[in-house]
Every structure is written in C-alpha cells, then in structure tokens.
Amino acid sequence: MNTIHIEASKPYDVIIGKDLDMGQLLESAVSPCRTVLVSDSNVPLKYRQKVVRSIRNCGFDVCTMVIPAGEESKNMETLEGLLEYMADCGLTRTDCVIALGGGVVGDLTGFAAGCYLRGIKYVQMPTTLLAAVDSSVGGKTAIDLMAGKNLAGLFYQPEVVLCDVSFLDSLPEDVFACGLAEAIKTGVLSGHELFDRFSRPDIKENIAEIISLCVRYKGDVVQRDEFETGERKLLNLGHTIGHAIEKLSGYEIAHGQAVAMGMAMMARSAEAMGDAPEGMAETIEKVLTANGLPTDCEYSAGQLAQFALNDKKRTGDEITIVIPAAIGECTLKKLPVSELKDYISAGISK
C-alpha cells in the first residue's frame, strides 16, 4: 500500500494498493456517518457490494445511487437528481458522499458535494485507470453544458482518495488504454522516469507504481497551483483539442482517445510552428500508437477551433495552449484566438 499526501487547501491522502479494506481506510479519514455512494452502470455489482459491505461493517449508514455510464450523464439533469436523492436520504453537514467509479462519477459527485448544503465531505474511490491517475486527484469537479465540457464546476478537494487497483482488473482493453492516455500525458510532462515505462511490456504488472508516479507528480503541481492560475494549466496538455473532439463526436469518442489525438496533434503543430524540436511528435505518437491509442481525427481545423474557443483556457481574445517542447519540459503559450485555427491546421496529418 502506498500513501501519497496532498498538501492542498484541505490536506488529504491518496492511498493506492490492492484489495484495500475500504471501510477501515474510510473510517480513518471520515467518522462513521450517513453516506450516499454514487456509482455508474459500468461498475461491476460485485465491486459496489464489496465497498458497501465493508463500510457498513465500520458503522456507515449507506444509500446507493447508480447513474447511466457515459459522459452523457455529466449534466445538469443528473446533478439535480443526485442532489434531490442526497436530500431524500437525509444527508446533513456532518455526512458525506462517495464517488465509486470513473471520471464522470467523480466529477459529478464532487460537484454535488460542493453544492449540497454549501459543501459536505466527499470521498473518491476510482474504478478506472483514467480516474486513478488523474481525475480523482486535485479537486476539480464539474458537469458539461451544451456549449462545452466541464464549463460548470468547483475546485473542491476530497477527504481521501482510496484507489484499489484490483478494481482495474475488469476494465476492457479500450477503457484501460484511455487511462493510459492520461498517464502518458503525465509522462510527457514529468520526464523519462515515467514516460519510458509505456514502451515496456509490463505496464499492467506495475500499474500501482505507475499510478503512484502520476499521482505524486499531479499532487506536487496541485500543491503549488491549486486553483490553476499558472503551472497547473500544463496538466491540460492535449485537452484543448481533445475536449473539442469529444464535443464534435457527441461524446462517442472517449476522453482518453480524444486526449491522445489532441496531444499528438499539438505536438505536430508545435514542431511545424517552430515551438518544438524535430522528432518530438514522432516520439509521442510512437508511444501512443504502441498502447492502442489514436493520433488523428476526422475533424477540420475550423471545426476544432470553433469548439476549442469555448474552452476554459480562453481569456478574452487569447487562449492558452500547452506545448510539448521535450519529454519533461512543456510550456504554456498564449495565442490570439484568431490564430488558433492555423495553429491546429499545422498539426493535422495530410
């Protein structure tokens, strides 16, 4: 078991291990209380039952809510339904809510916790690799609006993150690969110690260590820039284009796949525009492809730019993009919005 401490405005631990005693670990962070456990239809029933049984044995009074799986559930209607259910279950300010699932469940549940009674405790229990390496850590919570992804949300830190890697055993290969996209992104940002692991054949055997490296890197960034005023923006590598791809596809293209495409396209654009050395794009694309991830999309630069301009990284007439200048060395670049289309166009494969 590996414990990583996050020294944010509300400090908390991320605990990573196999076959964790969720009830005992939860009790060490949150006093026994009434809780709503939120999950989705992709989480195997046996995992939900295991967690509920464990935390009930430690004195927690548990209600459960299962939402339909997929990005389509991360909306105002589902948020309203969850808030009403929390009220129906009689949650008070001394109670908590638990997110057992992937990024959608975590984002939605965290946002609901931050809104309900002006804020109650919540806990992250990621069941996907993507949530384990990225979205369960750092306190970003959100839902999607018609105009774009994650446009309504809060910075709201959990009480604890309990990551049981045994929950990853049932993931389909494409869902596991989506999590690798975020992990590879972290490798591009952090350096070769992590990035080089994705060229080895033993990824699954060492997944707990990979998750730990990702969480430690992100935790360090969050500690320095919790509210994303500077350095934390680097964690959006591949996301400006990636979010546009998701939206254009009607969320048929999964988040991890879209981030992989966005990362590869941004690397090609940076090379073409003189912001990254020759060969950088090939280095990133080779690792993405080897791990079953796409590097191109069918959308035009104009379509991508149109949706990217609804991105949270836009401020006035400028948008901030993340440039992969080298493995372990990424930079922020401000572009006039009028130049974004041409910049994206440079990264579209001919």
Protein backbone atom coordinates (compact mmCIF):
# COMPACT_ATOMS: atom_id res chain seq x y z
CA MET A 1 0.00 0.00 0.00
CA ASN A 2 1.34 3.42 -0.97
CA THR A 3 0.14 6.65 0.64
CA ILE A 4 0.71 9.99 -1.09
CA HIS A 5 -0.10 13.13 0.88
CA ILE A 6 -1.59 16.09 -0.99
CA GLU A 7 -0.96 19.38 0.82
CA ALA A 8 -3.80 21.39 -0.74
CA SER A 9 -6.02 23.97 0.98
CA LYS A 10 -7.59 20.90 2.60
CA PRO A 11 -4.84 18.29 3.00
CA TYR A 12 -5.69 14.65 2.26
CA ASP A 13 -4.13 11.31 1.39
CA VAL A 14 -4.28 9.23 -1.76
CA ILE A 15 -3.99 5.57 -0.80
CA ILE A 16 -3.06 3.12 -3.56
CA GLY A 17 -2.98 -0.64 -3.16
CA LYS A 18 -4.57 -3.97 -3.96
CA ASP A 19 -7.60 -5.43 -2.13
CA LEU A 20 -7.84 -2.46 0.23
CA ASP A 21 -10.08 -2.59 3.30
CA MET A 22 -12.22 0.33 2.16
CA GLY A 23 -14.28 0.55 5.35
CA GLN A 24 -11.31 0.71 7.65
CA LEU A 25 -9.49 3.25 5.47
CA LEU A 26 -12.62 5.37 5.10
CA GLU A 27 -13.17 5.35 8.85
CA SER A 28 -9.64 6.66 9.37
CA ALA A 29 -10.50 9.75 7.26
CA VAL A 30 -14.23 10.25 7.93
CA SER A 31 -16.11 9.46 11.13
CA PRO A 32 -18.95 6.94 10.60
CA CYS A 33 -22.00 8.78 9.29
CA ARG A 34 -24.75 8.55 6.72
CA THR A 35 -23.43 8.46 3.17
CA VAL A 36 -24.64 8.24 -0.41
CA LEU A 37 -22.47 6.02 -2.58
CA VAL A 38 -22.70 7.10 -6.23
CA SER A 39 -21.71 4.65 -8.95
CA ASP A 40 -22.48 4.02 -12.60
CA SER A 41 -23.79 1.14 -14.66
CA ASN A 42 -20.29 0.14 -15.82
CA VAL A 43 -19.04 -0.57 -12.30
CA PRO A 44 -19.47 -4.30 -11.64
CA LEU A 45 -22.07 -5.07 -8.98
CA LYS A 46 -19.52 -7.13 -7.04
CA TYR A 47 -17.34 -4.04 -6.51
CA ARG A 48 -20.27 -1.95 -5.29
CA GLN A 49 -21.39 -4.73 -2.95
CA LYS A 50 -17.86 -5.19 -1.65
CA VAL A 51 -17.49 -1.50 -0.79
CA VAL A 52 -20.97 -1.18 0.73
CA ARG A 53 -20.43 -4.26 2.90
CA SER A 54 -17.01 -3.04 4.06
CA ILE A 55 -18.12 0.46 5.01
CA ARG A 56 -21.34 -0.75 6.67
CA ASN A 57 -19.22 -3.05 8.81
CA CYS A 58 -17.43 0.09 10.02
CA GLY A 59 -20.64 1.82 11.08
CA PHE A 60 -21.60 3.83 7.97
CA ASP A 61 -25.28 4.08 7.02
CA VAL A 62 -25.24 3.70 3.21
CA CYS A 63 -27.66 4.71 0.47
CA THR A 64 -26.67 3.96 -3.13
CA MET A 65 -27.38 5.65 -6.44
CA VAL A 66 -26.40 4.22 -9.85
CA ILE A 67 -26.34 6.55 -12.85
CA PRO A 68 -26.12 5.55 -16.53
CA ALA A 69 -22.49 5.20 -17.64
CA GLY A 70 -21.00 7.72 -20.03
CA GLU A 71 -20.28 11.40 -20.49
CA GLU A 72 -23.96 11.97 -21.31
CA SER A 73 -24.72 11.64 -17.58
CA LYS A 74 -22.46 14.53 -16.62
CA ASN A 75 -25.15 17.16 -16.99
CA MET A 76 -27.46 19.45 -15.06
CA GLU A 77 -30.33 16.95 -15.04
CA THR A 78 -28.24 14.20 -13.43
CA LEU A 79 -26.75 16.69 -10.96
CA GLU A 80 -30.25 17.79 -9.93
CA GLY A 81 -31.34 14.17 -9.50
CA LEU A 82 -28.32 13.42 -7.32
CA LEU A 83 -28.86 16.49 -5.14
CA GLU A 84 -32.52 15.56 -4.65
CA TYR A 85 -31.53 12.00 -3.75
CA MET A 86 -29.00 13.26 -1.22
CA ALA A 87 -31.74 15.34 0.38
CA ASP A 88 -34.20 12.41 0.32
CA CYS A 89 -31.60 10.29 2.13
CA GLY A 90 -31.41 12.94 4.84
CA LEU A 91 -27.75 13.88 4.44
CA THR A 92 -26.65 16.64 6.81
CA ARG A 93 -23.49 18.70 7.02
CA THR A 94 -21.80 16.00 9.10
CA ASP A 95 -22.42 13.33 6.42
CA CYS A 96 -20.57 12.50 3.20
CA VAL A 97 -20.95 11.26 -0.35
CA ILE A 98 -18.72 8.68 -2.07
CA ALA A 99 -17.79 8.51 -5.76
CA LEU A 100 -17.20 4.88 -6.79
CA GLY A 101 -16.47 4.89 -10.50
CA GLY A 102 -14.63 6.68 -13.27
CA GLY A 103 -14.13 10.32 -14.11
CA VAL A 104 -17.79 11.08 -14.80
CA VAL A 105 -18.89 9.75 -11.41
CA GLY A 106 -16.06 11.55 -9.64
CA ASP A 107 -16.66 14.89 -11.33
CA LEU A 108 -20.42 14.77 -10.81
CA THR A 109 -20.28 13.57 -7.21
CA GLY A 110 -17.63 16.08 -6.20
CA PHE A 111 -19.64 18.92 -7.71
CA ALA A 112 -22.79 17.75 -5.91
CA ALA A 113 -20.88 17.53 -2.62
CA GLY A 114 -19.59 21.07 -3.07
CA CYS A 115 -23.09 22.42 -3.77
CA TYR A 116 -25.17 20.47 -1.25
CA LEU A 117 -25.74 22.42 1.98
CA ARG A 118 -22.94 24.71 0.73
CA GLY A 119 -20.48 21.85 1.00
CA ILE A 120 -20.27 18.42 2.62
CA LYS A 121 -17.49 15.86 2.70
CA TYR A 122 -16.85 13.54 -0.23
CA VAL A 123 -14.53 10.64 -0.99
CA GLN A 124 -13.09 9.40 -4.27
CA MET A 125 -12.87 5.64 -4.97
CA PRO A 126 -11.71 5.40 -8.61
CA THR A 127 -12.52 2.23 -10.56
CA THR A 128 -10.91 3.22 -13.89
CA LEU A 129 -7.28 3.87 -14.69
CA LEU A 130 -8.13 7.33 -16.02
CA ALA A 131 -9.75 8.32 -12.74
CA ALA A 132 -6.93 6.75 -10.72
CA VAL A 133 -4.09 8.58 -12.47
CA ASP A 134 -5.83 11.90 -12.99
CA SER A 135 -9.41 12.95 -12.31
CA SER A 136 -9.79 11.62 -8.75
CA VAL A 137 -6.88 13.79 -7.56
CA GLY A 138 -6.68 17.56 -7.42
CA GLY A 139 -10.21 18.66 -6.56
CA LYS A 140 -11.53 19.58 -9.99
CA THR A 141 -15.27 18.83 -10.14
CA ALA A 142 -17.61 19.70 -12.99
CA ILE A 143 -20.50 18.96 -15.30
CA ASP A 144 -20.85 19.68 -19.01
CA LEU A 145 -23.02 22.39 -20.53
CA MET A 146 -24.46 22.45 -24.05
CA ALA A 147 -21.68 24.86 -25.04
CA GLY A 148 -18.83 22.61 -23.94
CA LYS A 149 -17.22 20.23 -21.48
CA ASN A 150 -16.67 20.98 -17.78
CA LEU A 151 -17.98 24.55 -18.04
CA ALA A 152 -19.78 24.43 -14.66
CA GLY A 153 -17.81 23.24 -11.66
CA LEU A 154 -15.86 23.85 -8.47
CA PHE A 155 -12.41 23.34 -7.05
CA TYR A 156 -13.39 21.09 -4.13
CA GLN A 157 -10.95 18.69 -2.50
CA PRO A 158 -11.97 15.23 -1.23
CA GLU A 159 -11.41 13.90 2.27
CA VAL A 160 -9.42 10.95 0.94
CA VAL A 161 -8.84 9.06 -2.31
CA LEU A 162 -8.91 5.26 -1.98
CA CYS A 163 -7.52 3.60 -5.11
CA ASP A 164 -7.88 -0.20 -5.11
CA VAL A 165 -6.04 -1.40 -8.22
CA SER A 166 -7.95 -4.70 -8.13
CA PHE A 167 -10.93 -2.68 -9.45
CA LEU A 168 -9.00 -2.23 -12.70
CA ASP A 169 -8.94 -5.98 -13.42
CA SER A 170 -12.32 -5.96 -15.16
CA LEU A 171 -11.63 -2.98 -17.45
CA PRO A 172 -12.00 -3.64 -21.21
CA GLU A 173 -8.76 -3.05 -23.13
CA ASP A 174 -10.02 0.14 -24.79
CA VAL A 175 -11.06 1.63 -21.44
CA PHE A 176 -7.67 0.72 -19.93
CA ALA A 177 -5.98 2.37 -22.92
CA CYS A 178 -7.97 5.55 -22.29
CA GLY A 179 -6.45 5.71 -18.83
CA LEU A 180 -3.01 5.19 -20.31
CA ALA A 181 -3.55 8.33 -22.42
CA GLU A 182 -3.69 10.45 -19.26
CA ALA A 183 -0.76 8.55 -17.76
CA ILE A 184 1.32 9.07 -20.93
CA LYS A 185 0.37 12.76 -20.82
CA THR A 186 1.77 12.89 -17.29
CA GLY A 187 4.92 11.17 -18.55
CA VAL A 188 5.39 13.82 -21.25
CA LEU A 189 5.07 16.47 -18.54
CA SER A 190 7.14 14.83 -15.82
CA GLY A 191 10.02 13.17 -17.67
CA HIS A 192 11.56 9.91 -18.77
CA GLU A 193 11.23 8.05 -15.44
CA LEU A 194 7.51 7.71 -16.15
CA PHE A 195 7.33 8.23 -19.93
CA ASP A 196 9.73 5.39 -20.76
CA ARG A 197 7.59 2.87 -18.87
CA PHE A 198 4.98 2.99 -21.62
CA SER A 199 7.39 1.40 -24.07
CA ARG A 200 7.76 -1.69 -21.84
CA PRO A 201 5.63 -4.84 -21.91
CA ASP A 202 4.99 -4.96 -18.13
CA ILE A 203 2.63 -1.99 -17.75
CA LYS A 204 -0.20 -3.93 -16.11
CA GLU A 205 2.12 -5.76 -13.75
CA ASN A 206 3.45 -2.43 -12.48
CA ILE A 207 0.25 -0.40 -12.68
CA ALA A 208 0.20 0.52 -8.96
CA GLU A 209 3.66 2.08 -9.32
CA ILE A 210 2.62 3.93 -12.49
CA ILE A 211 -0.46 5.30 -10.74
CA SER A 212 1.69 6.39 -7.79
CA LEU A 213 4.11 8.26 -10.06
CA CYS A 214 1.23 10.03 -11.81
CA VAL A 215 -0.47 10.98 -8.54
CA ARG A 216 2.77 12.20 -6.97
CA TYR A 217 3.51 14.43 -9.97
CA LYS A 218 -0.02 15.84 -10.12
CA GLY A 219 -0.11 16.29 -6.35
CA ASP A 220 3.08 18.35 -6.44
CA VAL A 221 1.63 20.58 -9.15
CA VAL A 222 -1.67 21.00 -7.28
CA GLN A 223 0.18 21.93 -4.08
CA ARG A 224 1.94 24.74 -5.95
CA ASP A 225 -1.05 25.93 -8.00
CA GLU A 226 -4.29 24.52 -6.61
CA PHE A 227 -6.63 26.88 -8.47
CA GLU A 228 -4.97 26.69 -11.88
CA THR A 229 -3.63 30.21 -12.21
CA GLY A 230 -0.33 29.10 -13.75
CA GLU A 231 1.61 25.83 -13.64
CA ARG A 232 -1.46 23.61 -13.25
CA LYS A 233 -2.55 24.64 -16.74
CA LEU A 234 0.23 22.35 -18.02
CA LEU A 235 -1.92 19.38 -16.98
CA ASN A 236 -4.23 20.33 -19.85
CA LEU A 237 -1.75 19.02 -22.43
CA GLY A 238 -3.86 17.59 -25.28
CA HIS A 239 -7.13 18.69 -23.67
CA THR A 240 -8.00 21.86 -25.58
CA ILE A 241 -8.21 19.94 -28.85
CA GLY A 242 -9.31 16.78 -27.02
CA HIS A 243 -12.38 18.40 -25.49
CA ALA A 244 -13.33 19.80 -28.90
CA ILE A 245 -13.07 16.30 -30.40
CA GLU A 246 -15.29 14.87 -27.66
CA LYS A 247 -17.92 17.54 -28.19
CA LEU A 248 -17.87 17.23 -32.01
CA SER A 249 -18.30 13.45 -31.74
CA GLY A 250 -21.29 13.78 -29.42
CA TYR A 251 -19.04 12.09 -26.83
CA GLU A 252 -18.86 8.94 -28.97
CA ILE A 253 -15.09 9.38 -28.81
CA ALA A 254 -13.94 8.65 -25.27
CA HIS A 255 -11.99 11.20 -23.24
CA GLY A 256 -8.72 9.25 -23.27
CA GLN A 257 -8.83 8.71 -27.01
CA ALA A 258 -9.58 12.39 -27.58
CA VAL A 259 -6.70 13.46 -25.32
CA ALA A 260 -4.35 11.14 -27.22
CA MET A 261 -5.42 12.71 -30.51
CA GLY A 262 -5.12 16.21 -29.07
CA MET A 263 -1.67 15.52 -27.65
CA ALA A 264 -0.35 14.12 -30.94
CA MET A 265 -1.86 16.96 -32.96
CA MET A 266 -0.46 19.60 -30.62
CA ALA A 267 2.99 18.01 -30.82
CA ARG A 268 2.85 18.08 -34.64
CA SER A 269 1.62 21.69 -34.60
CA ALA A 270 4.38 22.74 -32.21
CA GLU A 271 7.01 21.19 -34.49
CA ALA A 272 5.57 22.77 -37.60
CA MET A 273 5.36 26.21 -35.95
CA GLY A 274 8.90 26.05 -34.55
CA ASP A 275 7.85 25.64 -30.91
CA ALA A 276 9.21 22.09 -30.51
CA PRO A 277 12.25 20.31 -31.94
CA GLU A 278 12.02 17.93 -34.87
CA GLY A 279 11.18 14.38 -33.77
CA MET A 280 9.15 15.36 -30.71
CA ALA A 281 5.83 14.49 -32.34
CA GLU A 282 7.14 11.13 -33.53
CA THR A 283 8.35 10.28 -30.02
CA ILE A 284 4.90 10.93 -28.55
CA GLU A 285 2.96 9.32 -31.40
CA LYS A 286 5.04 6.15 -31.25
CA VAL A 287 4.19 5.59 -27.58
CA LEU A 288 0.51 6.40 -28.07
CA THR A 289 0.19 4.01 -31.00
CA ALA A 290 2.03 1.24 -29.16
CA ASN A 291 -0.57 1.49 -26.39
CA GLY A 292 -3.60 1.26 -28.68
CA LEU A 293 -4.39 4.97 -28.86
CA PRO A 294 -5.32 7.07 -31.91
CA THR A 295 -3.30 10.08 -33.08
CA ASP A 296 -5.59 11.61 -35.74
CA CYS A 297 -9.19 12.72 -36.01
CA GLU A 298 -11.61 13.35 -38.86
CA TYR A 299 -12.48 16.94 -37.92
CA SER A 300 -11.18 20.04 -39.68
CA ALA A 301 -9.08 22.74 -38.06
CA GLY A 302 -12.02 25.11 -38.36
CA GLN A 303 -14.37 22.74 -36.53
CA LEU A 304 -11.84 22.08 -33.78
CA ALA A 305 -11.01 25.74 -33.32
CA GLN A 306 -14.68 26.69 -33.09
CA PHE A 307 -15.31 24.33 -30.18
CA ALA A 308 -11.90 24.91 -28.59
CA LEU A 309 -12.74 28.58 -28.20
CA ASN A 310 -15.40 27.57 -25.64
CA ASP A 311 -12.60 26.03 -23.60
CA LYS A 312 -11.93 27.19 -20.02
CA LYS A 313 -8.36 28.12 -21.00
CA ARG A 314 -9.64 31.05 -23.06
CA THR A 315 -9.38 34.50 -21.51
CA GLY A 316 -10.80 37.30 -23.62
CA ASP A 317 -9.17 37.28 -27.05
CA GLU A 318 -6.43 34.82 -26.06
CA ILE A 319 -6.27 31.11 -25.42
CA THR A 320 -3.50 29.25 -23.60
CA ILE A 321 -2.20 26.06 -25.20
CA VAL A 322 0.34 23.57 -23.84
CA ILE A 323 3.45 22.97 -25.94
CA PRO A 324 5.39 19.67 -25.53
CA ALA A 325 8.89 21.05 -26.12
CA ALA A 326 10.64 17.92 -24.76
CA ILE A 327 9.86 14.95 -22.56
CA GLY A 328 9.73 16.53 -19.13
CA GLU A 329 9.69 20.06 -20.47
CA CYS A 330 6.33 21.52 -21.51
CA THR A 331 5.49 25.19 -21.76
CA LEU A 332 2.42 27.43 -21.90
CA LYS A 333 1.85 29.56 -24.97
CA LYS A 334 -0.76 32.29 -25.32
CA LEU A 335 -2.30 32.57 -28.76
CA PRO A 336 -4.67 35.17 -30.13
CA VAL A 337 -7.92 33.33 -30.83
CA SER A 338 -7.63 34.45 -34.45
CA GLU A 339 -4.50 32.29 -34.83
CA LEU A 340 -5.82 29.10 -33.25
CA LYS A 341 -7.28 27.64 -36.45
CA ASP A 342 -3.97 27.96 -38.31
CA TYR A 343 -2.04 26.52 -35.38
CA ILE A 344 -4.32 23.47 -35.22
CA SER A 345 -4.19 23.10 -39.00
CA ALA A 346 -0.41 22.67 -38.84
CA GLY A 347 -0.91 19.52 -36.75
CA ILE A 348 -3.47 17.76 -38.91
CA SER A 349 -1.96 14.83 -40.79
CA LYS A 350 -2.12 15.31 -44.54
